Protein backbone atom coordinates (compact mmCIF):
# COMPACT_ATOMS: atom_id res chain seq x y z
CA MET A 1 13.14 -29.70 5.69
CA LYS A 2 11.64 -28.01 3.08
CA ASN A 3 10.70 -24.64 4.67
CA SER A 4 14.01 -24.64 6.62
CA LEU A 5 15.81 -25.00 3.29
CA MET A 6 13.95 -22.45 1.89
CA LYS A 7 14.31 -19.75 4.81
CA ALA A 8 17.98 -20.59 4.98
CA MET A 9 18.62 -19.94 1.47
CA LYS A 10 16.26 -16.73 0.87
CA ASP A 11 18.51 -15.56 3.93
CA SER A 12 21.74 -16.16 2.57
CA ILE A 13 21.15 -15.05 -0.88
CA PHE A 14 20.14 -12.32 0.65
CA GLU A 15 22.97 -11.35 2.24
CA VAL A 16 25.33 -12.57 0.22
CA LEU A 17 24.02 -10.41 -2.99
CA GLU A 18 23.31 -7.25 -1.13
CA THR A 19 26.45 -6.81 1.07
CA MET A 20 28.94 -8.12 -1.15
CA PHE A 21 27.54 -7.29 -4.66
CA TYR A 22 25.58 -4.40 -4.00
CA LEU A 23 22.05 -5.94 -5.85
CA THR A 24 18.52 -4.81 -4.43
CA ILE A 25 17.13 -8.58 -4.81
CA GLU A 26 13.46 -9.66 -4.94
CA ILE A 27 13.24 -13.61 -4.16
CA ASN A 28 9.84 -14.78 -6.21
CA GLU A 29 7.73 -16.34 -4.07
CA ASP A 30 6.05 -17.88 -6.89
CA GLU A 31 6.03 -22.04 -7.20
CA ASN A 32 4.21 -22.05 -10.26
CA GLN A 33 6.46 -19.97 -12.03
CA LYS A 34 8.45 -22.66 -13.87
CA GLN A 35 12.09 -21.71 -15.65
CA THR A 36 14.70 -23.76 -17.30
CA ILE A 37 17.68 -21.09 -17.17
CA GLU A 38 19.82 -22.18 -20.81
CA VAL A 39 23.33 -21.80 -20.62
CA LEU A 40 23.79 -19.88 -23.50
CA ASP A 41 22.71 -17.37 -21.40
CA PHE A 42 23.65 -17.73 -18.14
CA ASN A 43 27.05 -18.76 -16.30
CA SER A 44 25.95 -21.79 -14.36
CA CYS A 45 27.86 -23.91 -11.94
CA LYS A 46 27.22 -26.63 -9.64
CA LEU A 47 28.77 -27.06 -6.13
CA SER A 48 28.65 -30.58 -4.84
CA PHE A 49 28.37 -30.91 -0.56
CA LYS A 50 28.39 -33.67 1.87
CA GLY A 51 26.85 -33.25 5.74
CA PRO A 52 23.89 -34.73 7.38
CA PHE A 53 22.76 -34.65 3.97
CA THR A 54 24.51 -34.81 0.27
CA GLY A 55 23.95 -32.88 -3.04
CA TYR A 56 24.43 -30.25 -5.27
CA PHE A 57 24.21 -26.47 -5.20
CA TYR A 58 23.35 -24.88 -8.40
CA THR A 59 23.74 -21.25 -9.47
CA ALA A 60 22.88 -19.63 -12.67
CA CYS A 61 23.32 -16.43 -13.44
CA PRO A 62 22.64 -13.90 -16.67
CA GLU A 63 26.23 -12.53 -18.19
CA ILE A 64 24.97 -8.54 -18.00
CA LEU A 65 24.46 -9.16 -14.36
CA LEU A 66 27.28 -11.20 -14.36
CA LYS A 67 29.60 -8.70 -15.42
CA LYS A 68 28.02 -6.46 -12.62
CA MET A 69 28.84 -7.55 -9.97
CA THR A 70 32.40 -8.57 -11.30
CA ILE A 71 32.79 -4.35 -11.34
CA ASN A 72 31.21 -4.30 -7.80
CA PHE A 73 33.32 -7.60 -5.90
CA LEU A 74 36.82 -6.39 -8.09
CA GLY A 75 36.73 -3.13 -7.77
CA VAL A 76 37.69 -2.64 -11.87
CA ASP A 77 36.66 -0.95 -14.63
CA GLU A 78 34.27 -2.70 -17.47
CA GLU A 79 36.37 -3.04 -19.90
CA GLU A 80 38.71 -5.37 -17.95
CA VAL A 81 36.54 -7.49 -16.74
CA THR A 82 36.61 -10.75 -19.01
CA ASN A 83 34.56 -14.19 -19.65
CA SER A 84 37.35 -16.14 -16.75
CA HIS A 85 36.50 -13.31 -14.42
CA MET A 86 32.74 -14.16 -14.88
CA GLN A 87 32.74 -17.63 -14.35
CA GLU A 88 35.07 -17.51 -11.97
CA MET A 89 32.68 -14.65 -10.34
CA VAL A 90 29.68 -16.77 -10.83
CA LYS A 91 31.53 -20.12 -8.63
CA GLU A 92 32.58 -17.43 -6.05
CA MET A 93 29.01 -16.53 -5.55
CA ALA A 94 27.72 -19.91 -5.37
CA ASN A 95 30.64 -20.99 -2.78
CA ILE A 96 30.03 -18.21 -0.41
CA VAL A 97 25.92 -18.30 -0.72
CA ALA A 98 25.97 -21.87 -0.31
CA GLY A 99 28.37 -22.00 3.13
CA ASN A 100 26.36 -19.08 4.11
CA MET A 101 23.63 -20.66 3.89
CA PHE A 102 24.34 -23.81 5.42
CA CYS A 103 25.65 -22.46 8.68
CA LYS A 104 22.57 -20.65 8.65
CA LEU A 105 20.83 -24.13 8.47
CA ASP A 106 21.91 -25.30 10.87
CA VAL A 107 25.10 -23.79 12.82
CA ASN A 108 26.52 -27.32 14.66
CA SER A 109 26.43 -29.16 11.35
CA GLU A 110 29.28 -29.81 9.98
CA TYR A 111 29.69 -29.82 5.35
CA LYS A 112 32.29 -30.25 3.23
CA LEU A 113 31.46 -28.03 -0.26
CA GLY A 114 33.48 -29.37 -3.29
CA ILE A 115 34.71 -27.26 -5.61
CA PRO A 116 32.46 -25.07 -8.07
CA GLU A 117 32.48 -26.45 -11.41
CA THR A 118 31.04 -24.74 -14.98
CA VAL A 119 27.61 -25.93 -16.10
CA THR A 120 27.54 -26.66 -19.95
CA GLU A 121 24.36 -28.00 -19.95
CA ASP A 122 20.37 -26.08 -19.53
CA ILE A 123 19.66 -26.05 -15.72
CA SER A 124 16.03 -26.87 -15.02
CA PHE A 125 14.30 -25.09 -12.13
CA SER A 126 10.87 -25.77 -12.99
CA GLU A 127 10.58 -28.64 -10.49
CA GLU A 128 8.55 -28.54 -7.53
CA ASN A 129 9.97 -27.78 -4.51
CA THR A 130 10.21 -30.41 -2.47
CA ASP A 131 12.30 -32.27 0.95
CA LYS A 132 14.77 -33.32 -2.00
CA GLN A 133 14.62 -30.48 -4.05
CA VAL A 134 14.55 -26.44 -3.80
CA ASN A 135 14.32 -23.40 -6.41
CA ILE A 136 15.10 -20.29 -5.73
CA TYR A 137 14.71 -16.85 -8.17
CA ALA A 138 16.13 -13.98 -6.94
CA GLU A 139 15.62 -10.85 -8.96
CA THR A 140 16.99 -7.45 -9.48
CA PHE A 141 15.32 -4.75 -11.50
CA GLU A 142 16.49 -6.06 -14.79
CA ASN A 143 17.78 -9.83 -14.45
CA LEU A 144 17.10 -12.63 -12.64
CA ILE A 145 19.07 -15.43 -10.78
CA GLY A 146 18.88 -18.95 -10.35
CA PHE A 147 19.46 -21.11 -7.41
CA LYS A 148 18.69 -24.68 -6.42
CA VAL A 149 19.50 -27.16 -4.07
CA LYS A 150 18.94 -30.73 -5.17
CA ILE A 151 19.96 -33.80 -2.95
CA GLN A 152 20.96 -37.46 -3.68
């Protein structure tokens, strides 16, 4: 399960961030990298899901990168971007990446995605990847985006 989930996550992250947000990324494959992403520096959200397994999909993105992504996605000028736009963008990114990931994981299964919620506590991406939890870091030239699936 862990390997197939990681592959589906990586493929989805690449596809969505490169085609929808015009970002060149690398996936950090070092499982020894331990990170806790603090909400003071990042906009974060979680998205519940139900299907063959149930849990949460988490995303955390630094504000400076999220602003760039919002500009690229909405086609607006920098001065038009608000904090509300950026918070909605991180939620939209989570929704798109998670939906794409579940399609890649198993096209014959149905998953129901909840409504993305803002996360106000720090998110730890430092736990070991297991069959119940997968953490992936996507790196741009200047920033790090955290993705996590936690199965209940």
